[in-house]
């Protein structure tokens, strides 16, 4: 997991922490994207533990679903090209990729732990929708339908 400098603890200011997931799936038909929020936390340590656990769980799940695929190196490429958190303070990444080695069949999962003021609502307006509008809107619409 890669950390960014300047991360604060919740004791220093009224903050909350949110883990987002952006996923790019490539295959012979093209590209599919998805966005989701994995969790919202009051404590940084709890958010970091959940980020690490989520990354490990998702790697294992995806490799199990795609026999023969391998984990791909992502050093220096921890954030997605479509920067859903472009305007948010990302303090830690849990990103990874898997693929079959051809370059055509692969999945890149970008987990980002963002730091927010405690009173900020987590909604569609929080995220960059210049390139990600459809997937972000689809996620929040599905969440509203669950209520």
Protein backbone atom coordinates (compact mmCIF):
# COMPACT_ATOMS: atom_id res chain seq x y z
CA UNK A 1 0.00 0.00 0.00
CA UNK A 2 1.38 3.38 -0.92
CA UNK A 3 0.92 6.37 1.39
CA UNK A 4 1.01 10.04 0.49
CA UNK A 5 2.75 12.58 2.66
CA UNK A 6 0.65 14.95 4.72
CA UNK A 7 -1.91 12.46 6.03
CA UNK A 8 -3.40 13.61 9.34
CA UNK A 9 -4.96 11.61 12.12
CA UNK A 10 -8.58 12.08 13.13
CA UNK A 11 -7.43 13.54 16.51
CA UNK A 12 -5.86 16.58 14.78
CA UNK A 13 -9.07 17.81 13.15
CA UNK A 14 -12.68 16.67 12.72
CA UNK A 15 -12.17 14.35 9.78
CA UNK A 16 -13.64 11.26 8.24
CA UNK A 17 -12.16 8.78 5.81
CA UNK A 18 -13.77 7.19 2.77
CA UNK A 19 -12.53 4.30 0.63
CA UNK A 20 -13.47 4.44 -3.04
CA UNK A 21 -13.07 1.80 -5.71
CA UNK A 22 -12.68 2.50 -9.43
CA UNK A 23 -12.38 -0.55 -11.67
CA UNK A 24 -11.28 -0.79 -15.31
CA UNK A 25 -11.95 -4.14 -17.00
CA UNK A 26 -10.39 -4.75 -20.41
CA UNK A 27 -11.26 -7.62 -22.74
CA UNK A 28 -11.60 -8.25 -26.48
CA UNK A 29 -14.90 -6.29 -26.50
CA UNK A 30 -13.40 -3.13 -25.01
CA UNK A 31 -13.45 -1.44 -21.64
CA UNK A 32 -15.97 -1.45 -18.79
CA UNK A 33 -15.71 0.85 -15.77
CA UNK A 34 -17.35 0.83 -12.37
CA UNK A 35 -17.28 2.97 -9.24
CA UNK A 36 -18.24 2.22 -5.65
CA UNK A 37 -17.66 3.34 -2.10
CA UNK A 38 -16.36 0.56 0.09
CA UNK A 39 -16.74 2.32 3.41
CA UNK A 40 -16.80 5.48 5.49
CA UNK A 41 -14.82 5.67 8.74
CA UNK A 42 -14.27 8.05 11.64
CA UNK A 43 -10.84 6.63 12.54
CA UNK A 44 -7.85 6.60 10.19
CA UNK A 45 -6.44 3.33 11.55
CA UNK A 46 -9.75 1.55 10.99
CA UNK A 47 -9.95 2.90 7.42
CA UNK A 48 -6.37 1.82 6.69
CA UNK A 49 -7.00 -1.68 8.01
CA UNK A 50 -10.16 -1.96 5.90
CA UNK A 51 -8.28 -0.69 2.82
CA UNK A 52 -5.56 -3.34 3.25
CA UNK A 53 -8.09 -6.11 3.97
CA UNK A 54 -10.22 -5.09 0.98
CA UNK A 55 -7.24 -5.07 -1.38
CA UNK A 56 -6.13 -8.53 -0.24
CA UNK A 57 -9.67 -9.93 -0.42
CA UNK A 58 -10.32 -8.48 -3.90
CA UNK A 59 -6.99 -9.74 -5.27
CA UNK A 60 -7.79 -13.26 -4.05
CA UNK A 61 -11.37 -13.11 -5.40
CA UNK A 62 -10.34 -11.85 -8.82
CA UNK A 63 -7.54 -14.39 -9.20
CA UNK A 64 -9.94 -17.16 -8.17
CA UNK A 65 -12.47 -15.95 -10.78
CA UNK A 66 -9.78 -15.85 -13.51
CA UNK A 67 -7.65 -19.02 -13.34
CA UNK A 68 -4.24 -18.54 -14.95
CA UNK A 69 -4.23 -14.78 -14.52
CA UNK A 70 -1.41 -13.09 -12.59
CA UNK A 71 -1.12 -9.99 -10.47
CA UNK A 72 0.30 -7.05 -12.43
CA UNK A 73 2.86 -4.53 -11.16
CA UNK A 74 1.40 -1.04 -10.72
CA UNK A 75 4.25 0.91 -9.11
CA UNK A 76 3.81 4.55 -10.02
CA UNK A 77 0.34 3.92 -11.48
CA UNK A 78 -1.72 3.70 -8.29
CA UNK A 79 -4.48 6.01 -9.49
CA UNK A 80 -6.81 5.52 -12.42
CA UNK A 81 -6.56 7.49 -15.63
CA UNK A 82 -10.15 8.56 -14.96
CA UNK A 83 -9.34 10.30 -11.67
CA UNK A 84 -12.61 10.07 -9.76
CA UNK A 85 -10.84 11.54 -6.70
CA UNK A 86 -8.97 14.23 -8.65
CA UNK A 87 -10.29 16.95 -6.31
CA UNK A 88 -10.08 14.95 -3.07
CA UNK A 89 -7.10 14.39 -0.77
CA UNK A 90 -6.02 10.78 -1.35
CA UNK A 91 -3.87 9.70 1.58
CA UNK A 92 -3.34 6.03 0.73
CA UNK A 93 -3.75 3.65 -2.20
CA UNK A 94 -4.55 -0.06 -2.32
CA UNK A 95 -4.54 -0.42 -6.10
CA UNK A 96 -3.69 -3.55 -8.06
CA UNK A 97 -4.09 -5.18 -11.44
CA UNK A 98 -4.50 -8.72 -12.68
CA UNK A 99 -4.34 -10.06 -16.22
CA UNK A 100 -3.60 -12.97 -18.50
CA UNK A 101 -0.36 -11.47 -19.82
CA UNK A 102 -1.69 -10.56 -23.28
CA UNK A 103 -2.50 -6.95 -22.42
CA UNK A 104 -6.07 -7.45 -23.66
CA UNK A 105 -7.62 -9.31 -20.75
CA UNK A 106 -7.01 -7.44 -17.53
CA UNK A 107 -8.67 -5.79 -14.56
CA UNK A 108 -7.27 -2.76 -12.78
CA UNK A 109 -8.77 -2.00 -9.37
CA UNK A 110 -7.99 1.39 -7.85
CA UNK A 111 -8.72 1.63 -4.13
CA UNK A 112 -8.20 5.11 -2.72
CA UNK A 113 -8.50 6.24 0.89
CA UNK A 114 -9.59 9.86 0.95
CA UNK A 115 -9.62 12.31 3.83
CA UNK A 116 -12.61 14.64 4.21
CA UNK A 117 -13.90 17.15 6.75
CA UNK A 118 -16.31 15.28 9.03
CA UNK A 119 -19.27 17.45 8.02
CA UNK A 120 -18.96 16.91 4.26
CA UNK A 121 -21.65 14.74 2.70
CA UNK A 122 -20.53 11.81 0.61
CA UNK A 123 -22.51 12.22 -2.57
CA UNK A 124 -22.05 12.59 -6.31
CA UNK A 125 -20.86 16.22 -6.00
CA UNK A 126 -17.77 15.11 -4.08
CA UNK A 127 -16.23 13.28 -7.04
CA UNK A 128 -14.79 14.41 -10.35
CA UNK A 129 -17.44 13.73 -12.95
CA UNK A 130 -15.64 15.20 -15.96
CA UNK A 131 -14.71 11.72 -17.15
CA UNK A 132 -16.49 9.58 -14.55
CA UNK A 133 -20.04 11.00 -14.49
CA UNK A 134 -21.87 7.92 -15.78
CA UNK A 135 -20.29 5.44 -13.36
CA UNK A 136 -20.47 7.74 -10.33
CA UNK A 137 -24.12 8.61 -11.08
CA UNK A 138 -24.99 4.95 -11.63
CA UNK A 139 -23.50 4.02 -8.23
CA UNK A 140 -25.42 6.70 -6.30
CA UNK A 141 -28.65 5.95 -8.16
CA UNK A 142 -28.34 2.24 -7.23
CA UNK A 143 -27.64 3.19 -3.59
CA UNK A 144 -30.77 5.37 -3.48
CA UNK A 145 -32.86 2.52 -4.89
CA UNK A 146 -31.72 0.28 -2.01
CA UNK A 147 -33.34 2.62 0.53
